PDB file of N, CA and C in Angstrom:
ATOM      1  N   MET A   1      25.846 -41.625 -63.647  1.00  0.00           N
ATOM      2  CA  MET A   1      24.574 -40.932 -63.714  1.00  0.00           C
ATOM      3  C   MET A   1      24.117 -40.488 -62.326  1.00  0.00           C
ATOM      4  N   THR A   2      24.331 -41.355 -61.344  1.00  0.00           N
ATOM      5  CA  THR A   2      23.893 -40.978 -60.005  1.00  0.00           C
ATOM      6  C   THR A   2      24.734 -39.858 -59.426  1.00  0.00           C
ATOM      7  N   GLU A   3      26.017 -39.828 -59.730  1.00  0.00           N
ATOM      8  CA  GLU A   3      26.861 -38.749 -59.212  1.00  0.00           C
ATOM      9  C   GLU A   3      26.415 -37.409 -59.775  1.00  0.00           C
ATOM     10  N   LYS A   4      26.097 -37.394 -61.081  1.00  0.00           N
ATOM     11  CA  LYS A   4      25.619 -36.160 -61.685  1.00  0.00           C
ATOM     12  C   LYS A   4      24.289 -35.748 -61.059  1.00  0.00           C
ATOM     13  N   HIS A   5      23.439 -36.727 -60.815  1.00  0.00           N
ATOM     14  CA  HIS A   5      22.149 -36.441 -60.198  1.00  0.00           C
ATOM     15  C   HIS A   5      22.338 -35.840 -58.810  1.00  0.00           C
ATOM     16  N   ASN A   6      23.275 -36.358 -58.034  1.00  0.00           N
ATOM     17  CA  ASN A   6      23.529 -35.827 -56.695  1.00  0.00           C
ATOM     18  C   ASN A   6      24.161 -34.446 -56.742  1.00  0.00           C
ATOM     19  N   GLU A   7      24.950 -34.157 -57.779  1.00  0.00           N
ATOM     20  CA  GLU A   7      25.559 -32.834 -57.902  1.00  0.00           C
ATOM     21  C   GLU A   7      24.508 -31.786 -58.249  1.00  0.00           C
ATOM     22  N   GLU A   8      23.525 -32.161 -59.068  1.00  0.00           N
ATOM     23  CA  GLU A   8      22.506 -31.197 -59.474  1.00  0.00           C
ATOM     24  C   GLU A   8      21.551 -30.888 -58.332  1.00  0.00           C
ATOM     25  N   HIS A   9      21.177 -31.900 -57.604  1.00  0.00           N
ATOM     26  CA  HIS A   9      20.229 -31.723 -56.506  1.00  0.00           C
ATOM     27  C   HIS A   9      20.992 -31.848 -55.195  1.00  0.00           C
ATOM     28  N   HIS A  10      21.261 -30.733 -54.595  1.00  0.00           N
ATOM     29  CA  HIS A  10      22.002 -30.732 -53.332  1.00  0.00           C
ATOM     30  C   HIS A  10      21.055 -31.161 -52.220  1.00  0.00           C
ATOM     31  N   ASN A  11      21.098 -32.422 -51.901  1.00  0.00           N
ATOM     32  CA  ASN A  11      20.230 -32.941 -50.846  1.00  0.00           C
ATOM     33  C   ASN A  11      20.759 -32.469 -49.504  1.00  0.00           C
ATOM     34  N   HIS A  12      19.879 -31.873 -48.754  1.00  0.00           N
ATOM     35  CA  HIS A  12      20.256 -31.377 -47.437  1.00  0.00           C
ATOM     36  C   HIS A  12      19.496 -32.186 -46.398  1.00  0.00           C
ATOM     37  N   ILE A  13      20.218 -32.744 -45.461  1.00  0.00           N
ATOM     38  CA  ILE A  13      19.598 -33.537 -44.404  1.00  0.00           C
ATOM     39  C   ILE A  13      19.448 -32.651 -43.175  1.00  0.00           C
ATOM     40  N   THR A  14      18.209 -32.448 -42.783  1.00  0.00           N
ATOM     41  CA  THR A  14      17.916 -31.629 -41.614  1.00  0.00           C
ATOM     42  C   THR A  14      17.941 -32.515 -40.378  1.00  0.00           C
ATOM     43  N   PRO A  15      18.647 -32.094 -39.334  1.00  0.00           N
ATOM     44  CA  PRO A  15      18.703 -32.923 -38.121  1.00  0.00           C
ATOM     45  C   PRO A  15      17.344 -33.018 -37.431  1.00  0.00           C
ATOM     46  N   VAL A  16      17.153 -34.092 -36.711  1.00  0.00           N
ATOM     47  CA  VAL A  16      15.895 -34.333 -36.005  1.00  0.00           C
ATOM     48  C   VAL A  16      15.651 -33.244 -34.967  1.00  0.00           C
ATOM     49  N   SER A  17      16.707 -32.709 -34.362  1.00  0.00           N
ATOM     50  CA  SER A  17      16.535 -31.665 -33.349  1.00  0.00           C
ATOM     51  C   SER A  17      15.868 -30.424 -33.941  1.00  0.00           C
ATOM     52  N   THR A  18      16.153 -30.134 -35.208  1.00  0.00           N
ATOM     53  CA  THR A  18      15.506 -28.993 -35.865  1.00  0.00           C
ATOM     54  C   THR A  18      14.014 -29.245 -36.002  1.00  0.00           C
ATOM     55  N   TYR A  19      13.652 -30.459 -36.417  1.00  0.00           N
ATOM     56  CA  TYR A  19      12.229 -30.790 -36.543  1.00  0.00           C
ATOM     57  C   TYR A  19      11.527 -30.746 -35.191  1.00  0.00           C
ATOM     58  N   LEU A  20      12.216 -31.162 -34.138  1.00  0.00           N
ATOM     59  CA  LEU A  20      11.609 -31.103 -32.809  1.00  0.00           C
ATOM     60  C   LEU A  20      11.414 -29.661 -32.346  1.00  0.00           C
ATOM     61  N   MET A  21      12.364 -28.789 -32.678  1.00  0.00           N
ATOM     62  CA  MET A  21      12.215 -27.372 -32.321  1.00  0.00           C
ATOM     63  C   MET A  21      11.069 -26.739 -33.115  1.00  0.00           C
ATOM     64  N   VAL A  22      10.945 -27.081 -34.384  1.00  0.00           N
ATOM     65  CA  VAL A  22       9.834 -26.566 -35.195  1.00  0.00           C
ATOM     66  C   VAL A  22       8.517 -27.091 -34.640  1.00  0.00           C
ATOM     67  N   PHE A  23       8.486 -28.358 -34.251  1.00  0.00           N
ATOM     68  CA  PHE A  23       7.284 -28.935 -33.647  1.00  0.00           C
ATOM     69  C   PHE A  23       6.909 -28.192 -32.370  1.00  0.00           C
ATOM     70  N   ALA A  24       7.905 -27.898 -31.534  1.00  0.00           N
ATOM     71  CA  ALA A  24       7.643 -27.148 -30.303  1.00  0.00           C
ATOM     72  C   ALA A  24       7.134 -25.746 -30.629  1.00  0.00           C
ATOM     73  N   GLY A  25       7.714 -25.117 -31.638  1.00  0.00           N
ATOM     74  CA  GLY A  25       7.237 -23.801 -32.061  1.00  0.00           C
ATOM     75  C   GLY A  25       5.803 -23.844 -32.554  1.00  0.00           C
ATOM     76  N   LEU A  26       5.456 -24.898 -33.295  1.00  0.00           N
ATOM     77  CA  LEU A  26       4.077 -25.035 -33.768  1.00  0.00           C
ATOM     78  C   LEU A  26       3.113 -25.278 -32.611  1.00  0.00           C
ATOM     79  N   LEU A  27       3.559 -26.014 -31.591  1.00  0.00           N
ATOM     80  CA  LEU A  27       2.704 -26.209 -30.414  1.00  0.00           C
ATOM     81  C   LEU A  27       2.470 -24.892 -29.671  1.00  0.00           C
ATOM     82  N   VAL A  28       3.525 -24.083 -29.555  1.00  0.00           N
ATOM     83  CA  VAL A  28       3.379 -22.771 -28.909  1.00  0.00           C
ATOM     84  C   VAL A  28       2.431 -21.893 -29.719  1.00  0.00           C
ATOM     85  N   LEU A  29       2.582 -21.916 -31.038  1.00  0.00           N
ATOM     86  CA  LEU A  29       1.694 -21.112 -31.883  1.00  0.00           C
ATOM     87  C   LEU A  29       0.255 -21.629 -31.827  1.00  0.00           C
ATOM     88  N   MET A  30       0.070 -22.943 -31.671  1.00  0.00           N
ATOM     89  CA  MET A  30      -1.277 -23.477 -31.521  1.00  0.00           C
ATOM     90  C   MET A  30      -1.902 -22.998 -30.217  1.00  0.00           C
ATOM     91  N   ALA A  31      -1.110 -23.000 -29.133  1.00  0.00           N
ATOM     92  CA  ALA A  31      -1.613 -22.483 -27.853  1.00  0.00           C
ATOM     93  C   ALA A  31      -1.946 -21.000 -27.972  1.00  0.00           C
ATOM     94  N   LEU A  32      -1.118 -20.271 -28.711  1.00  0.00           N
ATOM     95  CA  LEU A  32      -1.387 -18.845 -28.938  1.00  0.00           C
ATOM     96  C   LEU A  32      -2.665 -18.663 -29.749  1.00  0.00           C
ATOM     97  N   THR A  33      -2.910 -19.557 -30.701  1.00  0.00           N
ATOM     98  CA  THR A  33      -4.146 -19.493 -31.494  1.00  0.00           C
ATOM     99  C   THR A  33      -5.363 -19.689 -30.603  1.00  0.00           C
ATOM    100  N   VAL A  34      -5.283 -20.643 -29.681  1.00  0.00           N
ATOM    101  CA  VAL A  34      -6.398 -20.878 -28.760  1.00  0.00           C
ATOM    102  C   VAL A  34      -6.600 -19.661 -27.865  1.00  0.00           C
ATOM    103  N   TYR A  35      -5.506 -19.082 -27.384  1.00  0.00           N
ATOM    104  CA  TYR A  35      -5.602 -17.890 -26.537  1.00  0.00           C
ATOM    105  C   TYR A  35      -6.237 -16.728 -27.298  1.00  0.00           C
ATOM    106  N   VAL A  36      -5.796 -16.531 -28.539  1.00  0.00           N
ATOM    107  CA  VAL A  36      -6.336 -15.435 -29.350  1.00  0.00           C
ATOM    108  C   VAL A  36      -7.818 -15.654 -29.625  1.00  0.00           C
ATOM    109  N   GLY A  37      -8.223 -16.920 -29.733  1.00  0.00           N
ATOM    110  CA  GLY A  37      -9.638 -17.223 -29.959  1.00  0.00           C
ATOM    111  C   GLY A  37     -10.519 -16.806 -28.795  1.00  0.00           C
ATOM    112  N   TYR A  38      -9.995 -16.874 -27.582  1.00  0.00           N
ATOM    113  CA  TYR A  38     -10.782 -16.509 -26.406  1.00  0.00           C
ATOM    114  C   TYR A  38     -10.565 -15.067 -25.952  1.00  0.00           C
ATOM    115  N   ALA A  39      -9.432 -14.475 -26.287  1.00  0.00           N
ATOM    116  CA  ALA A  39      -9.138 -13.104 -25.851  1.00  0.00           C
ATOM    117  C   ALA A  39      -9.850 -12.100 -26.756  1.00  0.00           C
ATOM    118  N   ASP A  40     -10.014 -10.905 -26.238  1.00  0.00           N
ATOM    119  CA  ASP A  40     -10.664  -9.851 -27.008  1.00  0.00           C
ATOM    120  C   ASP A  40      -9.626  -8.781 -27.348  1.00  0.00           C
ATOM    121  N   PHE A  41      -9.287  -8.687 -28.611  1.00  0.00           N
ATOM    122  CA  PHE A  41      -8.336  -7.685 -29.073  1.00  0.00           C
ATOM    123  C   PHE A  41      -9.029  -6.533 -29.780  1.00  0.00           C
ATOM    124  N   GLY A  42     -10.329  -6.470 -29.650  1.00  0.00           N
ATOM    125  CA  GLY A  42     -11.085  -5.387 -30.282  1.00  0.00           C
ATOM    126  C   GLY A  42     -11.046  -5.496 -31.794  1.00  0.00           C
ATOM    127  N   PRO A  43     -10.718  -4.390 -32.450  1.00  0.00           N
ATOM    128  CA  PRO A  43     -10.712  -4.419 -33.920  1.00  0.00           C
ATOM    129  C   PRO A  43      -9.522  -5.194 -34.505  1.00  0.00           C
ATOM    130  N   PHE A  44      -8.594  -5.619 -33.654  1.00  0.00           N
ATOM    131  CA  PHE A  44      -7.400  -6.311 -34.147  1.00  0.00           C
ATOM    132  C   PHE A  44      -7.514  -7.837 -34.047  1.00  0.00           C
ATOM    133  N   ASP A  45      -8.693  -8.358 -33.732  1.00  0.00           N
ATOM    134  CA  ASP A  45      -8.873  -9.801 -33.591  1.00  0.00           C
ATOM    135  C   ASP A  45      -8.436 -10.557 -34.843  1.00  0.00           C
ATOM    136  N   LYS A  46      -8.949 -10.147 -35.971  1.00  0.00           N
ATOM    137  CA  LYS A  46      -8.647 -10.859 -37.219  1.00  0.00           C
ATOM    138  C   LYS A  46      -7.190 -10.686 -37.633  1.00  0.00           C
ATOM    139  N   ALA A  47      -6.635  -9.506 -37.382  1.00  0.00           N
ATOM    140  CA  ALA A  47      -5.244  -9.258 -37.750  1.00  0.00           C
ATOM    141  C   ALA A  47      -4.297 -10.140 -36.926  1.00  0.00           C
ATOM    142  N   VAL A  48      -4.549 -10.244 -35.628  1.00  0.00           N
ATOM    143  CA  VAL A  48      -3.697 -11.075 -34.767  1.00  0.00           C
ATOM    144  C   VAL A  48      -3.829 -12.544 -35.162  1.00  0.00           C
ATOM    145  N   THR A  49      -5.041 -12.983 -35.460  1.00  0.00           N
ATOM    146  CA  THR A  49      -5.259 -14.356 -35.896  1.00  0.00           C
ATOM    147  C   THR A  49      -4.517 -14.648 -37.190  1.00  0.00           C
ATOM    148  N   LEU A  50      -4.567 -13.714 -38.132  1.00  0.00           N
ATOM    149  CA  LEU A  50      -3.873 -13.911 -39.409  1.00  0.00           C
ATOM    150  C   LEU A  50      -2.359 -13.928 -39.228  1.00  0.00           C
ATOM    151  N   ILE A  51      -1.845 -13.100 -38.349  1.00  0.00           N
ATOM    152  CA  ILE A  51      -0.392 -13.077 -38.110  1.00  0.00           C
ATOM    153  C   ILE A  51       0.075 -14.413 -37.535  1.00  0.00           C
ATOM    154  N   VAL A  52      -0.670 -14.966 -36.590  1.00  0.00           N
ATOM    155  CA  VAL A  52      -0.306 -16.261 -36.014  1.00  0.00           C
ATOM    156  C   VAL A  52      -0.400 -17.351 -37.085  1.00  0.00           C
ATOM    157  N   ALA A  53      -1.441 -17.309 -37.907  1.00  0.00           N
ATOM    158  CA  ALA A  53      -1.607 -18.314 -38.958  1.00  0.00           C
ATOM    159  C   ALA A  53      -0.492 -18.228 -39.994  1.00  0.00           C
ATOM    160  N   ILE A  54      -0.071 -17.029 -40.334  1.00  0.00           N
ATOM    161  CA  ILE A  54       1.023 -16.855 -41.303  1.00  0.00           C
ATOM    162  C   ILE A  54       2.334 -17.372 -40.714  1.00  0.00           C
ATOM    163  N   CYS A  55       2.547 -17.166 -39.422  1.00  0.00           N
ATOM    164  CA  CYS A  55       3.755 -17.706 -38.775  1.00  0.00           C
ATOM    165  C   CYS A  55       3.763 -19.227 -38.831  1.00  0.00           C
ATOM    166  N   LYS A  56       2.612 -19.855 -38.558  1.00  0.00           N
ATOM    167  CA  LYS A  56       2.536 -21.316 -38.618  1.00  0.00           C
ATOM    168  C   LYS A  56       2.751 -21.812 -40.045  1.00  0.00           C
ATOM    169  N   ALA A  57       2.133 -21.161 -41.010  1.00  0.00           N
ATOM    170  CA  ALA A  57       2.296 -21.569 -42.406  1.00  0.00           C
ATOM    171  C   ALA A  57       3.743 -21.399 -42.863  1.00  0.00           C
ATOM    172  N   SER A  58       4.394 -20.348 -42.398  1.00  0.00           N
ATOM    173  CA  SER A  58       5.798 -20.123 -42.772  1.00  0.00           C
ATOM    174  C   SER A  58       6.701 -21.225 -42.227  1.00  0.00           C
ATOM    175  N   LEU A  59       6.491 -21.616 -40.972  1.00  0.00           N
ATOM    176  CA  LEU A  59       7.284 -22.702 -40.404  1.00  0.00           C
ATOM    177  C   LEU A  59       7.085 -24.001 -41.181  1.00  0.00           C
ATOM    178  N   ILE A  60       5.854 -24.294 -41.515  1.00  0.00           N
ATOM    179  CA  ILE A  60       5.568 -25.528 -42.248  1.00  0.00           C
ATOM    180  C   ILE A  60       6.194 -25.490 -43.631  1.00  0.00           C
ATOM    181  N   MET A  61       6.068 -24.356 -44.315  1.00  0.00           N
ATOM    182  CA  MET A  61       6.635 -24.254 -45.663  1.00  0.00           C
ATOM    183  C   MET A  61       8.159 -24.316 -45.637  1.00  0.00           C
ATOM    184  N   LEU A  62       8.777 -23.641 -44.687  1.00  0.00           N
ATOM    185  CA  LEU A  62      10.232 -23.590 -44.648  1.00  0.00           C
ATOM    186  C   LEU A  62      10.868 -24.925 -44.282  1.00  0.00           C
ATOM    187  N   PHE A  63      10.309 -25.620 -43.300  1.00  0.00           N
ATOM    188  CA  PHE A  63      10.981 -26.812 -42.795  1.00  0.00           C
ATOM    189  C   PHE A  63      10.374 -28.113 -43.313  1.00  0.00           C
ATOM    190  N   PHE A  64       9.056 -28.258 -43.259  1.00  0.00           N
ATOM    191  CA  PHE A  64       8.459 -29.528 -43.658  1.00  0.00           C
ATOM    192  C   PHE A  64       8.310 -29.645 -45.172  1.00  0.00           C
ATOM    193  N   MET A  65       8.169 -28.538 -45.871  1.00  0.00           N
ATOM    194  CA  MET A  65       8.111 -28.582 -47.335  1.00  0.00           C
ATOM    195  C   MET A  65       9.485 -28.305 -47.947  1.00  0.00           C
ATOM    196  N   HIS A  66      10.500 -28.147 -47.113  1.00  0.00           N
ATOM    197  CA  HIS A  66      11.900 -27.974 -47.517  1.00  0.00           C
ATOM    198  C   HIS A  66      12.123 -26.762 -48.421  1.00  0.00           C
ATOM    199  N   LEU A  67      11.344 -25.733 -48.236  1.00  0.00           N
ATOM    200  CA  LEU A  67      11.514 -24.518 -49.025  1.00  0.00           C
ATOM    201  C   LEU A  67      12.801 -23.797 -48.641  1.00  0.00           C
ATOM    202  N   ARG A  68      13.250 -24.002 -47.428  1.00  0.00           N
ATOM    203  CA  ARG A  68      14.448 -23.322 -46.918  1.00  0.00           C
ATOM    204  C   ARG A  68      15.694 -23.650 -47.731  1.00  0.00           C
ATOM    205  N   HIS A  69      15.779 -24.862 -48.242  1.00  0.00           N
ATOM    206  CA  HIS A  69      16.959 -25.290 -48.987  1.00  0.00           C
ATOM    207  C   HIS A  69      16.663 -25.473 -50.471  1.00  0.00           C
ATOM    208  N   SER A  70      15.635 -24.808 -50.969  1.00  0.00           N
ATOM    209  CA  SER A  70      15.248 -24.969 -52.368  1.00  0.00           C
ATOM    210  C   SER A  70      15.870 -23.891 -53.237  1.00  0.00           C
ATOM    211  N   SER A  71      15.691 -24.053 -54.525  1.00  0.00           N
ATOM    212  CA  SER A  71      16.253 -23.096 -55.486  1.00  0.00           C
ATOM    213  C   SER A  71      15.427 -21.805 -55.510  1.00  0.00           C
ATOM    214  N   GLY A  72      15.938 -20.842 -56.222  1.00  0.00           N
ATOM    215  CA  GLY A  72      15.274 -19.547 -56.313  1.00  0.00           C
ATOM    216  C   GLY A  72      13.909 -19.610 -56.971  1.00  0.00           C
ATOM    217  N   LEU A  73      13.759 -20.495 -57.946  1.00  0.00           N
ATOM    218  CA  LEU A  73      12.471 -20.620 -58.632  1.00  0.00           C
ATOM    219  C   LEU A  73      11.387 -21.114 -57.674  1.00  0.00           C
ATOM    220  N   VAL A  74      11.728 -22.034 -56.806  1.00  0.00           N
ATOM    221  CA  VAL A  74      10.763 -22.533 -55.832  1.00  0.00           C
ATOM    222  C   VAL A  74      10.394 -21.426 -54.851  1.00  0.00           C
ATOM    223  N   TRP A  75      11.366 -20.611 -54.470  1.00  0.00           N
ATOM    224  CA  TRP A  75      11.095 -19.464 -53.591  1.00  0.00           C
ATOM    225  C   TRP A  75      10.138 -18.483 -54.255  1.00  0.00           C
ATOM    226  N   ILE A  76      10.322 -18.264 -55.542  1.00  0.00           N
ATOM    227  CA  ILE A  76       9.433 -17.339 -56.265  1.00  0.00           C
ATOM    228  C   ILE A  76       7.996 -17.838 -56.224  1.00  0.00           C
ATOM    229  N   PHE A  77       7.803 -19.135 -56.495  1.00  0.00           N
ATOM    230  CA  PHE A  77       6.447 -19.675 -56.488  1.00  0.00           C
ATOM    231  C   PHE A  77       5.868 -19.719 -55.076  1.00  0.00           C
ATOM    232  N   GLY A  78       6.679 -19.975 -54.072  1.00  0.00           N
ATOM    233  CA  GLY A  78       6.196 -19.921 -52.692  1.00  0.00           C
ATOM    234  C   GLY A  78       5.768 -18.520 -52.301  1.00  0.00           C
ATOM    235  N   THR A  79       6.551 -17.534 -52.721  1.00  0.00           N
ATOM    236  CA  THR A  79       6.206 -16.138 -52.449  1.00  0.00           C
ATOM    237  C   THR A  79       4.952 -15.726 -53.212  1.00  0.00           C
ATOM    238  N   MET A  80       4.830 -16.212 -54.433  1.00  0.00           N
ATOM    239  CA  MET A  80       3.624 -15.893 -55.218  1.00  0.00           C
ATOM    240  C   MET A  80       2.372 -16.452 -54.553  1.00  0.00           C
ATOM    241  N   GLY A  81       2.494 -17.616 -53.921  1.00  0.00           N
ATOM    242  CA  GLY A  81       1.351 -18.174 -53.200  1.00  0.00           C
ATOM    243  C   GLY A  81       0.888 -17.247 -52.091  1.00  0.00           C
ATOM    244  N   PHE A  82       1.841 -16.732 -51.305  1.00  0.00           N
ATOM    245  CA  PHE A  82       1.491 -15.769 -50.266  1.00  0.00           C
ATOM    246  C   PHE A  82       0.941 -14.477 -50.859  1.00  0.00           C
ATOM    247  N   PHE A  83       1.512 -14.023 -51.966  1.00  0.00           N
ATOM    248  CA  PHE A  83       1.064 -12.794 -52.612  1.00  0.00           C
ATOM    249  C   PHE A  83      -0.392 -12.911 -53.049  1.00  0.00           C
ATOM    250  N   PHE A  84      -0.745 -14.027 -53.681  1.00  0.00           N
ATOM    251  CA  PHE A  84      -2.129 -14.212 -54.128  1.00  0.00           C
ATOM    252  C   PHE A  84      -3.071 -14.448 -52.957  1.00  0.00           C
ATOM    253  N   LEU A  85      -2.581 -15.027 -51.878  1.00  0.00           N
ATOM    254  CA  LEU A  85      -3.401 -15.163 -50.672  1.00  0.00           C
ATOM    255  C   LEU A  85      -3.742 -13.787 -50.110  1.00  0.00           C
ATOM    256  N   ILE A  86      -2.748 -12.899 -50.086  1.00  0.00           N
ATOM    257  CA  ILE A  86      -2.985 -11.535 -49.591  1.00  0.00           C
ATOM    258  C   ILE A  86      -3.987 -10.809 -50.485  1.00  0.00           C
ATOM    259  N   ILE A  87      -3.862 -10.967 -51.813  1.00  0.00           N
ATOM    260  CA  ILE A  87      -4.820 -10.347 -52.727  1.00  0.00           C
ATOM    261  C   ILE A  87      -6.223 -10.874 -52.450  1.00  0.00           C
ATOM    262  N   MET A  88      -6.369 -12.188 -52.291  1.00  0.00           N
ATOM    263  CA  MET A  88      -7.673 -12.774 -52.030  1.00  0.00           C
ATOM    264  C   MET A  88      -8.255 -12.243 -50.715  1.00  0.00           C
ATOM    265  N   LEU A  89      -7.410 -12.152 -49.677  1.00  0.00           N
ATOM    266  CA  LEU A  89      -7.899 -11.647 -48.392  1.00  0.00           C
ATOM    267  C   LEU A  89      -8.304 -10.181 -48.477  1.00  0.00           C
ATOM    268  N   LEU A  90      -7.519  -9.381 -49.193  1.00  0.00           N
ATOM    269  CA  LEU A  90      -7.865  -7.961 -49.322  1.00  0.00           C
ATOM    270  C   LEU A  90      -9.174  -7.770 -50.076  1.00  0.00           C
ATOM    271  N   LEU A  91      -9.382  -8.535 -51.131  1.00  0.00           N
ATOM    272  CA  LEU A  91     -10.644  -8.434 -51.867  1.00  0.00           C
ATOM    273  C   LEU A  91     -11.818  -8.895 -51.007  1.00  0.00           C
ATOM    274  N   SER A  92     -11.619  -9.969 -50.247  1.00  0.00           N
ATOM    275  CA  SER A  92     -12.686 -10.451 -49.376  1.00  0.00           C
ATOM    276  C   SER A  92     -12.981  -9.456 -48.254  1.00  0.00           C
ATOM    277  N   LEU A  93     -11.930  -8.895 -47.658  1.00  0.00           N
ATOM    278  CA  LEU A  93     -12.141  -7.924 -46.587  1.00  0.00           C
ATOM    279  C   LEU A  93     -12.769  -6.640 -47.115  1.00  0.00           C
ATOM    280  N   GLY A  94     -12.432  -6.255 -48.346  1.00  0.00           N
ATOM    281  CA  GLY A  94     -13.073  -5.090 -48.965  1.00  0.00           C
ATOM    282  C   GLY A  94     -14.554  -5.313 -49.162  1.00  0.00           C
ATOM    283  N   ASP A  95     -14.932  -6.502 -49.586  1.00  0.00           N
ATOM    284  CA  ASP A  95     -16.346  -6.833 -49.742  1.00  0.00           C
ATOM    285  C   ASP A  95     -17.044  -6.842 -48.384  1.00  0.00           C
ATOM    286  N   TYR A  96     -16.399  -7.415 -47.393  1.00  0.00           N
ATOM    287  CA  TYR A  96     -16.984  -7.483 -46.054  1.00  0.00           C
ATOM    288  C   TYR A  96     -17.159  -6.087 -45.451  1.00  0.00           C
ATOM    289  N   ALA A  97     -16.181  -5.202 -45.673  1.00  0.00           N
ATOM    290  CA  ALA A  97     -16.253  -3.847 -45.120  1.00  0.00           C
ATOM    291  C   ALA A  97     -17.335  -3.018 -45.808  1.00  0.00           C
ATOM    292  N   ALA A  98     -17.635  -3.330 -47.073  1.00  0.00           N
ATOM    293  CA  ALA A  98     -18.618  -2.533 -47.806  1.00  0.00           C
ATOM    294  C   ALA A  98     -20.042  -3.001 -47.593  1.00  0.00           C
ATOM    295  N   ARG A  99     -20.240  -4.071 -46.897  1.00  0.00           N
ATOM    296  CA  ARG A  99     -21.601  -4.565 -46.682  1.00  0.00           C
ATOM    297  C   ARG A  99     -22.403  -3.584 -45.832  1.00  0.00           C
ATOM    298  N   GLY A 100     -23.596  -3.322 -46.298  1.00  0.00           N
ATOM    299  CA  GLY A 100     -24.475  -2.420 -45.577  1.00  0.00           C
ATOM    300  C   GLY A 100     -24.280  -0.963 -45.918  1.00  0.00           C
ATOM    301  N   THR A 101     -23.212  -0.625 -46.636  1.00  0.00           N
ATOM    302  CA  THR A 101     -22.990   0.782 -46.985  1.00  0.00           C
ATOM    303  C   THR A 101     -23.564   1.125 -48.345  1.00  0.00           C
ATOM    304  N   ILE A 102     -23.750   0.139 -49.194  1.00  0.00           N
ATOM    305  CA  ILE A 102     -24.286   0.384 -50.539  1.00  0.00           C
ATOM    306  C   ILE A 102     -25.731  -0.079 -50.565  1.00  0.00           C
ATOM    307  N   GLN A 103     -26.610   0.824 -50.926  1.00  0.00           N
ATOM    308  CA  GLN A 103     -28.030   0.511 -50.979  1.00  0.00           C
ATOM    309  C   GLN A 103     -28.378  -0.086 -52.334  1.00  0.00           C
ATOM    310  N   GLY A 104     -29.037  -1.208 -52.309  1.00  0.00           N
ATOM    311  CA  GLY A 104     -29.468  -1.873 -53.532  1.00  0.00           C
ATOM    312  C   GLY A 104     -30.843  -1.387 -53.946  1.00  0.00           C
ATOM    313  N   PRO A 105     -31.388  -1.951 -55.009  1.00  0.00           N
ATOM    314  CA  PRO A 105     -32.743  -1.556 -55.451  1.00  0.00           C
ATOM    315  C   PRO A 105     -33.786  -1.974 -54.424  1.00  0.00           C
ATOM    316  N   ILE A 106     -34.743  -1.118 -54.210  1.00  0.00           N
ATOM    317  CA  ILE A 106     -35.776  -1.374 -53.197  1.00  0.00           C
ATOM    318  C   ILE A 106     -37.017  -1.906 -53.848  1.00  0.00           C
TER     319      ILE A 106
END
């Protein structure tokens, strides 16, 4: 029974050096987040912040949540999570952009 279980679930052991490199990458991205918080990118402030946040989330999902070595179905659901996040952000940004342009009842 255990042999069949091991054949179905291909356990992949990630070396510690990979986790240390991902950790270093997350530290660099955290420093970049702090820099972006203080720097002025004009109208691109939110876009740059979101790009850095998506990079950090991707690293965490790929390595710490083991999405990198998962089946196709898990990839589909991981992608759907990002897809619905983008939909939520677009709807929120659309509402934010329309504020003050539509006059309500006086």
